[in-house]
Amino acid sequence: TRLERFRARPIAAAALEAAGANDAVDCVRITRLEGSDVGALSDVLLSLGSTCCTVEDADLGTDAEREVYAGDAKVWHSCDVTAMFAPETDIDAVMSDAMDILCAKIEYEKETIPGDDWVNVVLDSFAPTKVAEGLWIVPAWTEQTEDEREGCLNVVLEPGLAFGTGEHPTTRLCLSWLRDNADAFKSGAVLDFGTGSGVLAIGALLMGAKRACGVDMEAQSVDAAKRNAALNGVEANRFSLFLADGSEGGGALPPGRDAGEEKFDAVVANILVGPVLSLAPLFAQYCAPGGRVCLSGVLTTQTPDVLAAYEPFFEDMTVREENGWAVVDGTRLRN
């Protein structure tokens, strides 16, 4: 499994690369496609010249919306697909070839979006996100932040493939937890396991942590976290990144597990419930006595399992919920 979570495959980088400010973009939109057909269709369209294919839950924003984790061979039951092509592409010919290759009839709509309009559509799709009062996640290209009052914290991100842009409740829950518990790690160290965009580690550093380590199993996430740290003025020597998944032989992990090594004042992990459960002993090794742990990527129905896995190592366990998702936190036992 991957540590990232996709609601849709973000399109900003590929789209802006494909279309200059003065170029139009031709789009094909296919709605309510069976999820089992998405992979084959996307591969065919890309092979026929599409510069970018995006996939989104057709039930996004409804009660039928569901979370899908990248890398676990699942997609939404019903999907909306948008494929982008260079200007003046013969879309009907491309779709005819696609139907011949797939031996299927595909209903689609065509649209040409002027370059300036398309750039604005892409940029506007990533608006500043209010995490909590005085706490925002701001896209890198936003010239004016939403909240510039004294004491307000704006975490600047370049939205991309790595999970953690503030859209999902688990990101908001974890960032809010960091802000509410900043005294636990001020002038100390934070471990962000499954760092994704780096938003939690960066947020902790902006809140006063002296240093942070980010761990992710995806090289793309490590690169994204490095870029986002620079956008926030975080010095490279304060934020170390490791490509690993926490398993035996799964990549080099940061120091801090063994006796005599400096422990972390807080360990945060916004990943999947499976790794959250299996990595409990590892997180306990990293967390200093009296240190804090913050765990998410967890549904409210899964919190009993998480509490059971962590209670041998942590005390004062609490649960906070938002829209069916939860953050579980506790304090490392001192003996």
Protein backbone atom coordinates (compact mmCIF):
# COMPACT_ATOMS: atom_id res chain seq x y z
CA THR A 1 0.00 0.00 0.00
CA ARG A 2 1.02 3.58 -0.52
CA LEU A 3 1.03 6.25 2.10
CA GLU A 4 -0.67 8.77 -0.12
CA ARG A 5 -4.41 9.19 -0.52
CA PHE A 6 -6.00 10.54 -3.69
CA ARG A 7 -9.47 12.03 -3.99
CA ALA A 8 -8.55 12.82 -7.59
CA ARG A 9 -5.32 12.80 -9.52
CA PRO A 10 -4.14 16.44 -9.30
CA ILE A 11 -3.66 18.07 -12.65
CA ALA A 12 -1.96 21.39 -12.11
CA ALA A 13 1.63 20.51 -13.00
CA ALA A 14 0.86 18.43 -16.07
CA ALA A 15 -1.77 20.82 -17.36
CA LEU A 16 0.33 23.94 -17.00
CA GLU A 17 3.24 22.14 -18.62
CA ALA A 18 1.02 21.10 -21.51
CA ALA A 19 -0.55 24.51 -22.01
CA GLY A 20 1.24 27.82 -22.07
CA ALA A 21 -0.55 30.95 -20.98
CA ASN A 22 -1.63 31.68 -24.57
CA ASP A 23 -2.46 28.13 -25.68
CA ALA A 24 -5.88 26.53 -25.70
CA VAL A 25 -6.44 23.06 -24.30
CA ASP A 26 -8.81 20.53 -25.85
CA CYS A 27 -10.57 18.39 -23.27
CA VAL A 28 -12.55 15.17 -23.45
CA ARG A 29 -14.89 14.45 -20.57
CA ILE A 30 -16.27 10.97 -19.89
CA THR A 31 -18.69 10.78 -16.97
CA ARG A 32 -19.78 7.91 -14.73
CA LEU A 33 -17.38 5.38 -16.19
CA GLU A 34 -17.13 2.02 -14.45
CA GLY A 35 -14.09 2.08 -12.20
CA SER A 36 -12.83 -1.21 -13.61
CA ASP A 37 -12.51 0.43 -17.05
CA VAL A 38 -10.63 3.55 -15.96
CA GLY A 39 -7.09 2.18 -16.13
CA ALA A 40 -7.40 0.78 -19.62
CA LEU A 41 -9.07 3.92 -20.98
CA SER A 42 -6.50 6.24 -19.44
CA ASP A 43 -3.61 4.18 -20.78
CA VAL A 44 -5.10 4.17 -24.28
CA LEU A 45 -5.80 7.91 -24.31
CA LEU A 46 -2.27 8.67 -23.10
CA SER A 47 -0.84 6.42 -25.80
CA LEU A 48 -2.93 8.29 -28.38
CA GLY A 49 -1.51 11.68 -27.41
CA SER A 50 -3.31 12.87 -24.31
CA THR A 51 -1.03 15.13 -22.27
CA CYS A 52 -2.83 14.40 -19.00
CA CYS A 53 -5.67 12.20 -17.74
CA THR A 54 -7.43 12.95 -14.47
CA VAL A 55 -9.74 10.63 -12.57
CA GLU A 56 -12.29 11.77 -10.01
CA ASP A 57 -14.99 10.12 -7.96
CA ALA A 58 -18.25 10.62 -9.87
CA ASP A 59 -20.00 10.78 -6.49
CA LEU A 60 -17.68 13.44 -5.08
CA GLY A 61 -19.56 15.70 -2.69
CA THR A 62 -22.48 13.31 -2.20
CA ASP A 63 -23.32 10.79 0.49
CA ALA A 64 -22.02 8.08 -1.85
CA GLU A 65 -18.49 9.56 -1.94
CA ARG A 66 -15.85 7.19 -0.63
CA GLU A 67 -12.14 7.41 0.04
CA VAL A 68 -9.79 5.39 -2.17
CA TYR A 69 -6.12 4.82 -1.39
CA ALA A 70 -3.63 4.90 -4.23
CA GLY A 71 -1.64 1.77 -4.77
CA ASP A 72 -4.13 -0.74 -3.37
CA ALA A 73 -5.52 -1.64 -6.83
CA LYS A 74 -8.88 0.04 -6.11
CA VAL A 75 -10.68 2.89 -7.80
CA TRP A 76 -14.08 4.43 -7.25
CA HIS A 77 -17.07 2.40 -8.42
CA SER A 78 -18.07 5.20 -10.76
CA CYS A 79 -15.56 7.70 -12.13
CA ASP A 80 -15.38 10.90 -14.13
CA VAL A 81 -12.41 11.03 -16.50
CA THR A 82 -10.99 14.16 -18.13
CA ALA A 83 -8.31 13.86 -20.81
CA MET A 84 -6.41 16.87 -22.16
CA PHE A 85 -4.89 17.22 -25.62
CA ALA A 86 -2.78 19.73 -27.48
CA PRO A 87 -4.65 22.41 -29.45
CA GLU A 88 -6.24 21.37 -32.75
CA THR A 89 -6.07 17.66 -31.95
CA ASP A 90 -8.64 15.64 -33.92
CA ILE A 91 -10.52 14.52 -30.83
CA ASP A 92 -13.13 12.49 -32.72
CA ALA A 93 -10.40 10.53 -34.49
CA VAL A 94 -8.61 9.88 -31.20
CA MET A 95 -11.80 8.67 -29.53
CA SER A 96 -12.65 6.51 -32.55
CA ASP A 97 -9.23 4.85 -32.28
CA ALA A 98 -9.71 4.42 -28.54
CA MET A 99 -13.05 2.71 -29.07
CA ASP A 100 -11.53 0.42 -31.69
CA ILE A 101 -8.68 -0.54 -29.36
CA LEU A 102 -11.00 -1.15 -26.40
CA CYS A 103 -13.81 -2.69 -28.46
CA ALA A 104 -16.27 -0.49 -26.61
CA LYS A 105 -18.57 2.45 -27.27
CA ILE A 106 -17.63 5.51 -25.22
CA GLU A 107 -19.91 8.49 -24.71
CA TYR A 108 -17.89 11.69 -24.41
CA GLU A 109 -18.09 15.46 -24.55
CA LYS A 110 -15.55 17.80 -26.13
CA GLU A 111 -14.53 21.22 -24.92
CA THR A 112 -11.88 23.72 -25.91
CA ILE A 113 -10.75 26.01 -23.13
CA PRO A 114 -8.72 29.15 -23.99
CA GLY A 115 -5.24 29.19 -22.50
CA ASP A 116 -5.80 32.03 -20.06
CA ASP A 117 -9.08 30.51 -18.90
CA TRP A 118 -7.52 27.07 -18.52
CA VAL A 119 -4.64 28.33 -16.43
CA ASN A 120 -7.11 30.12 -14.17
CA VAL A 121 -9.27 26.99 -13.91
CA VAL A 122 -6.27 24.95 -12.80
CA LEU A 123 -5.01 27.51 -10.30
CA ASP A 124 -8.45 28.25 -8.91
CA SER A 125 -9.04 24.56 -8.26
CA PHE A 126 -6.53 24.84 -5.41
CA ALA A 127 -7.81 27.64 -3.18
CA PRO A 128 -6.50 28.53 0.28
CA THR A 129 -7.93 26.07 2.80
CA LYS A 130 -8.91 27.11 6.30
CA VAL A 131 -7.79 24.34 8.66
CA ALA A 132 -8.89 26.11 11.83
CA GLU A 133 -9.17 29.65 13.13
CA GLY A 134 -5.91 31.38 12.20
CA LEU A 135 -4.49 28.28 10.46
CA TRP A 136 -4.44 28.03 6.65
CA ILE A 137 -2.94 25.93 3.88
CA VAL A 138 -2.12 28.24 0.98
CA PRO A 139 -1.22 27.26 -2.63
CA ALA A 140 2.21 28.50 -3.64
CA TRP A 141 0.91 30.78 -6.37
CA THR A 142 -1.54 32.67 -4.14
CA GLU A 143 -0.26 36.24 -3.92
CA GLN A 144 -2.43 37.28 -1.01
CA THR A 145 -3.01 34.88 1.87
CA GLU A 146 -6.49 34.55 3.27
CA ASP A 147 -5.52 35.58 6.78
CA GLU A 148 -2.68 37.93 7.59
CA ARG A 149 -3.59 38.74 11.17
CA GLU A 150 -0.90 38.60 13.81
CA GLY A 151 -0.40 35.05 15.01
CA CYS A 152 -1.98 33.48 11.93
CA LEU A 153 -0.08 30.54 10.45
CA ASN A 154 -0.06 29.99 6.69
CA VAL A 155 1.53 26.75 5.43
CA VAL A 156 2.43 27.22 1.75
CA LEU A 157 2.16 24.15 -0.49
CA GLU A 158 2.61 23.33 -4.14
CA PRO A 159 -0.37 21.03 -4.73
CA GLY A 160 0.66 17.88 -6.53
CA LEU A 161 0.52 14.10 -6.33
CA ALA A 162 1.56 13.80 -2.69
CA PHE A 163 -1.30 13.64 -0.21
CA GLY A 164 -1.76 16.47 2.25
CA THR A 165 -3.22 19.64 0.75
CA GLY A 166 -5.73 20.36 3.52
CA GLU A 167 -8.71 19.11 1.58
CA HIS A 168 -9.14 15.96 3.63
CA PRO A 169 -10.37 15.91 7.25
CA THR A 170 -7.36 13.88 8.42
CA THR A 171 -4.92 16.58 7.31
CA ARG A 172 -6.98 19.22 9.10
CA LEU A 173 -7.29 17.07 12.22
CA CYS A 174 -3.52 16.49 12.41
CA LEU A 175 -2.59 20.11 11.76
CA SER A 176 -5.08 21.28 14.35
CA TRP A 177 -3.65 18.77 16.81
CA LEU A 178 -0.14 20.08 16.18
CA ARG A 179 -1.24 23.64 16.81
CA ASP A 180 -3.14 22.73 19.98
CA ASN A 181 -0.21 20.69 21.31
CA ALA A 182 2.71 22.80 20.07
CA ASP A 183 4.09 23.16 23.59
CA ALA A 184 4.91 19.44 23.50
CA PHE A 185 7.48 19.88 20.74
CA LYS A 186 8.56 23.54 20.74
CA SER A 187 12.34 23.66 20.43
CA GLY A 188 12.18 19.87 20.08
CA ALA A 189 11.95 17.23 17.36
CA VAL A 190 8.98 15.88 15.37
CA LEU A 191 8.78 12.68 13.31
CA ASP A 192 6.24 12.79 10.45
CA PHE A 193 5.72 9.24 9.21
CA GLY A 194 4.06 9.12 5.80
CA THR A 195 4.98 12.73 5.21
CA GLY A 196 3.41 13.06 1.74
CA SER A 197 3.50 16.77 0.89
CA GLY A 198 5.41 17.40 4.12
CA VAL A 199 2.58 19.56 5.42
CA LEU A 200 2.61 18.19 8.98
CA ALA A 201 6.37 18.35 9.47
CA ILE A 202 6.51 21.81 7.91
CA GLY A 203 3.59 22.94 10.05
CA ALA A 204 5.37 21.67 13.17
CA LEU A 205 8.55 23.53 12.22
CA LEU A 206 6.62 26.75 11.66
CA MET A 207 4.97 26.21 15.05
CA GLY A 208 8.33 26.10 16.81
CA ALA A 209 9.88 22.67 16.43
CA LYS A 210 13.66 22.81 16.18
CA ARG A 211 13.90 19.96 13.70
CA ALA A 212 11.70 17.41 11.92
CA CYS A 213 12.15 14.13 10.06
CA GLY A 214 9.80 13.08 7.29
CA VAL A 215 9.50 9.46 6.17
CA ASP A 216 7.66 8.28 3.08
CA MET A 217 7.78 5.21 0.85
CA GLU A 218 7.31 7.27 -2.33
CA ALA A 219 10.25 9.15 -3.85
CA GLN A 220 7.77 11.59 -5.38
CA SER A 221 6.51 12.50 -1.91
CA VAL A 222 10.03 13.02 -0.60
CA ASP A 223 10.74 15.40 -3.50
CA ALA A 224 7.47 17.24 -2.96
CA ALA A 225 8.13 17.65 0.76
CA LYS A 226 11.58 19.06 0.01
CA ARG A 227 10.12 21.63 -2.40
CA ASN A 228 7.35 22.61 0.00
CA ALA A 229 9.82 23.07 2.84
CA ALA A 230 11.78 25.53 0.70
CA LEU A 231 8.57 27.42 -0.13
CA ASN A 232 8.05 27.95 3.60
CA GLY A 233 11.60 29.11 4.24
CA VAL A 234 12.51 25.96 6.17
CA GLU A 235 16.26 25.44 6.22
CA ALA A 236 17.42 22.11 4.82
CA ASN A 237 19.30 21.25 8.02
CA ARG A 238 16.06 21.41 10.02
CA PHE A 239 14.07 18.98 7.87
CA SER A 240 15.53 15.55 7.07
CA LEU A 241 13.75 13.23 4.65
CA PHE A 242 13.94 9.45 4.41
CA LEU A 243 12.66 7.06 1.75
CA ALA A 244 11.35 4.10 3.73
CA ASP A 245 8.16 2.30 4.76
CA GLY A 246 9.04 1.10 8.26
CA SER A 247 9.26 -2.58 7.35
CA GLU A 248 12.35 -4.78 7.65
CA GLY A 249 14.45 -3.99 4.58
CA GLY A 250 12.04 -1.23 3.58
CA GLY A 251 14.61 1.56 3.41
CA ALA A 252 16.86 3.46 5.79
CA LEU A 253 14.97 4.95 8.73
CA PRO A 254 16.03 8.02 10.73
CA PRO A 255 18.02 7.57 13.93
CA GLY A 256 16.14 7.63 17.21
CA ARG A 257 15.06 4.05 17.82
CA ASP A 258 18.08 2.80 19.72
CA ALA A 259 19.29 3.56 23.22
CA GLY A 260 21.52 6.62 23.33
CA GLU A 261 19.95 8.18 20.23
CA GLU A 262 17.90 11.36 20.49
CA LYS A 263 14.18 10.59 20.62
CA PHE A 264 11.32 12.61 19.17
CA ASP A 265 9.06 14.82 21.25
CA ALA A 266 6.14 14.10 18.93
CA VAL A 267 5.43 11.39 16.35
CA VAL A 268 2.67 12.11 13.82
CA ALA A 269 1.39 9.67 11.22
CA ASN A 270 -1.45 10.37 8.81
CA ILE A 271 -1.37 7.11 6.87
CA LEU A 272 -3.55 4.01 6.51
CA VAL A 273 -5.00 2.14 9.46
CA GLY A 274 -3.02 -1.01 8.57
CA PRO A 275 0.39 0.67 8.95
CA VAL A 276 -0.89 2.67 11.92
CA LEU A 277 -1.56 -0.62 13.71
CA SER A 278 1.54 -2.52 12.62
CA LEU A 279 3.94 0.36 13.32
CA ALA A 280 2.87 0.93 16.93
CA PRO A 281 6.05 -0.66 18.38
CA LEU A 282 8.24 1.35 15.99
CA PHE A 283 6.54 4.63 16.88
CA ALA A 284 6.93 3.79 20.56
CA GLN A 285 10.68 3.30 20.02
CA TYR A 286 10.94 6.73 18.40
CA CYS A 287 8.84 8.63 20.93
CA ALA A 288 10.58 10.06 24.00
CA PRO A 289 9.15 9.19 27.42
CA GLY A 290 6.39 11.70 28.02
CA GLY A 291 6.36 12.52 24.28
CA ARG A 292 3.20 12.61 22.21
CA VAL A 293 1.82 10.55 19.37
CA CYS A 294 -0.79 11.73 16.83
CA LEU A 295 -2.35 9.16 14.50
CA SER A 296 -4.82 9.59 11.66
CA GLY A 297 -5.92 8.13 8.35
CA VAL A 298 -8.27 6.32 10.70
CA LEU A 299 -12.04 6.00 10.42
CA THR A 300 -14.02 6.54 13.61
CA THR A 301 -15.08 2.89 13.44
CA GLN A 302 -11.41 1.84 13.50
CA THR A 303 -10.42 3.75 16.63
CA PRO A 304 -10.98 0.83 19.05
CA ASP A 305 -8.32 -1.19 17.19
CA VAL A 306 -5.91 1.75 17.25
CA LEU A 307 -6.43 2.34 20.95
CA ALA A 308 -5.83 -1.34 21.67
CA ALA A 309 -2.58 -1.34 19.65
CA TYR A 310 -1.15 1.75 21.36
CA GLU A 311 -2.27 1.39 24.96
CA PRO A 312 0.69 -0.90 25.82
CA PHE A 313 3.02 2.01 24.96
CA PHE A 314 0.99 5.20 25.50
CA GLU A 315 -1.37 6.58 28.12
CA ASP A 316 -4.06 9.27 28.27
CA MET A 317 -5.31 8.23 24.84
CA THR A 318 -7.97 10.51 23.32
CA VAL A 319 -9.96 10.61 20.09
CA ARG A 320 -11.11 13.61 18.05
CA GLU A 321 -13.48 13.17 15.10
CA GLU A 322 -14.49 14.99 11.92
CA ASN A 323 -16.85 13.71 9.22
CA GLY A 324 -16.32 10.06 10.02
CA TRP A 325 -12.53 10.37 10.38
CA ALA A 326 -10.56 10.45 13.60
CA VAL A 327 -7.24 11.49 15.09
CA VAL A 328 -6.00 9.41 18.02
CA ASP A 329 -3.37 10.80 20.37
CA GLY A 330 -1.58 9.76 23.53
CA THR A 331 1.44 10.27 25.78
CA ARG A 332 4.42 7.89 25.81
CA LEU A 333 4.69 5.88 29.01
CA ARG A 334 7.74 6.78 31.09
CA ASN A 335 8.55 3.26 32.28
